[in-house]
Every structure is written in C-alpha cells, then in structure tokens.
Amino acid sequence: IVDTGATVVAMNWIEAARLGVVWDTTRPVRMHTAGGERIAYPATLASVQVGAIAMTNVQAVVLGGGSEQLPIVLLGMSFLRHVEMVRAGETLALTLRH
C-alpha cells in the first residue's frame, strides 16, 4: 500500500523472509506508527519494482512478527520520493521523477 506517512518501505518479518530480504537484527530501531510504537530492524532492498518503475538499494525496515503486526507491505517515502503521484478518481498514477 502507498503510505506517504511512512519514512521507508516496511514489512513484517514473515513477508521479508518470503522475499529473501536480509535485515540487521543487531540494530533494532523504534518506529512510531499509527498503531503505536514498534521495534523494527533496518534492511536495504536490492530492488523494488512497481509496474515499470524499478529502483535499487531502497531503505526499508522489517517489523517483528507476522501479519498481526503489519498485514501488508507499506511503500514508504524511501521509494516514493523518487516518483510523481497523480490521483484521478480512484486511480493513483506513479511516474519516475526526472
């Protein structure tokens, strides 16, 4: 889900493991979320692709637990700051900034 309020891409550790993401368990960070304070672990995603837009080395965090902690992947500003977002009705179009 597109989340302009999220600083970085965020996911739960079950989803991260499924995707082959490696996260740093030695450096826990406190995240202030809409659901309260959570502990997360930093990661760098080798690539993130949405449609035709692909980026490499995207900063992310992995939250402990599964879908009970975070049921979806949040596409945060570490990805979104590189795109233009235009909403038309119920459609959100993303285009790469130049």
Protein backbone atom coordinates (compact mmCIF):
# COMPACT_ATOMS: atom_id res chain seq x y z
CA ILE A 1 0.00 0.00 0.00
CA VAL A 2 1.25 3.52 -0.80
CA ASP A 3 1.95 5.26 2.52
CA THR A 4 3.32 8.80 2.27
CA GLY A 5 3.41 8.90 6.07
CA ALA A 6 5.94 6.05 6.21
CA THR A 7 9.57 7.14 6.06
CA VAL A 8 10.73 3.88 4.50
CA VAL A 9 9.33 0.72 2.95
CA ALA A 10 8.10 -1.51 5.79
CA MET A 11 7.10 -5.15 6.03
CA ASN A 12 6.69 -7.92 8.59
CA TRP A 13 9.44 -10.50 9.01
CA ILE A 14 7.41 -13.36 7.51
CA GLU A 15 6.96 -11.38 4.28
CA ALA A 16 10.62 -10.30 4.38
CA ALA A 17 11.77 -13.92 4.72
CA ARG A 18 9.47 -14.98 1.88
CA LEU A 19 11.02 -12.28 -0.33
CA GLY A 20 14.59 -13.17 0.65
CA VAL A 21 15.23 -9.86 2.43
CA VAL A 22 18.18 -9.79 4.82
CA TRP A 23 17.74 -7.47 7.81
CA ASP A 24 20.10 -6.35 10.56
CA THR A 25 18.95 -7.90 13.83
CA THR A 26 21.81 -6.23 15.72
CA ARG A 27 20.43 -2.70 15.27
CA PRO A 28 16.80 -2.53 16.44
CA VAL A 29 15.12 0.84 15.87
CA ARG A 30 11.96 2.27 17.43
CA MET A 31 9.28 3.11 14.89
CA HIS A 32 6.35 5.39 15.71
CA THR A 33 3.41 4.10 13.69
CA ALA A 34 -0.31 4.75 13.54
CA GLY A 35 -0.67 1.57 15.61
CA GLY A 36 1.78 2.73 18.26
CA GLU A 37 5.48 2.22 18.89
CA ARG A 38 7.10 -0.84 17.30
CA ILE A 39 10.59 -2.32 17.15
CA ALA A 40 11.91 -2.82 13.63
CA TYR A 41 15.18 -3.82 12.00
CA PRO A 42 16.85 -1.96 9.13
CA ALA A 43 17.29 -3.52 5.71
CA THR A 44 18.30 -2.45 2.23
CA LEU A 45 16.16 -3.90 -0.52
CA ALA A 46 18.19 -4.91 -3.58
CA SER A 47 15.32 -3.77 -5.79
CA VAL A 48 11.74 -2.56 -5.60
CA GLN A 49 9.53 -2.54 -8.68
CA VAL A 50 6.06 -1.08 -9.12
CA GLY A 51 4.85 -1.50 -12.67
CA ALA A 52 7.61 -0.24 -14.97
CA ILE A 53 9.32 1.76 -12.18
CA ALA A 54 12.26 -0.08 -10.65
CA MET A 55 14.74 1.16 -8.05
CA THR A 56 17.74 -0.44 -6.40
CA ASN A 57 19.11 -0.21 -2.88
CA VAL A 58 15.89 1.02 -1.26
CA GLN A 59 15.95 1.55 2.50
CA ALA A 60 13.40 -0.49 4.45
CA VAL A 61 12.53 -1.85 7.87
CA VAL A 62 11.37 -5.27 8.94
CA LEU A 63 8.95 -5.43 11.86
CA GLY A 64 8.98 -8.43 14.17
CA GLY A 65 6.04 -10.76 13.85
CA GLY A 66 3.73 -11.60 11.02
CA SER A 67 0.54 -10.19 9.63
CA GLU A 68 -0.78 -9.46 13.12
CA GLN A 69 1.92 -6.75 13.35
CA LEU A 70 1.74 -5.45 9.78
CA PRO A 71 -0.61 -7.24 7.38
CA ILE A 72 0.66 -5.50 4.22
CA VAL A 73 3.86 -4.07 2.78
CA LEU A 74 3.97 -0.28 3.13
CA LEU A 75 5.54 1.53 0.19
CA GLY A 76 7.11 4.42 2.08
CA MET A 77 9.00 7.55 1.13
CA SER A 78 12.35 5.80 0.60
CA PHE A 79 10.71 4.69 -2.68
CA LEU A 80 8.01 7.32 -3.17
CA ARG A 81 10.34 10.35 -3.04
CA HIS A 82 11.60 9.27 -6.46
CA VAL A 83 8.17 9.31 -8.15
CA GLU A 84 5.44 11.76 -9.02
CA MET A 85 2.00 10.76 -7.76
CA VAL A 86 -1.16 11.89 -9.54
CA ARG A 87 -4.61 10.85 -8.38
CA ALA A 88 -7.55 10.78 -10.75
CA GLY A 89 -10.69 9.48 -9.12
CA GLU A 90 -9.84 6.11 -7.61
CA THR A 91 -6.61 5.75 -9.60
CA LEU A 92 -3.16 6.74 -8.37
CA ALA A 93 -0.58 7.01 -11.15
CA LEU A 94 3.13 6.86 -10.33
CA THR A 95 5.76 8.16 -12.75
CA LEU A 96 9.50 8.35 -12.24
CA ARG A 97 10.82 11.84 -11.39
CA HIS A 98 13.47 13.13 -13.75
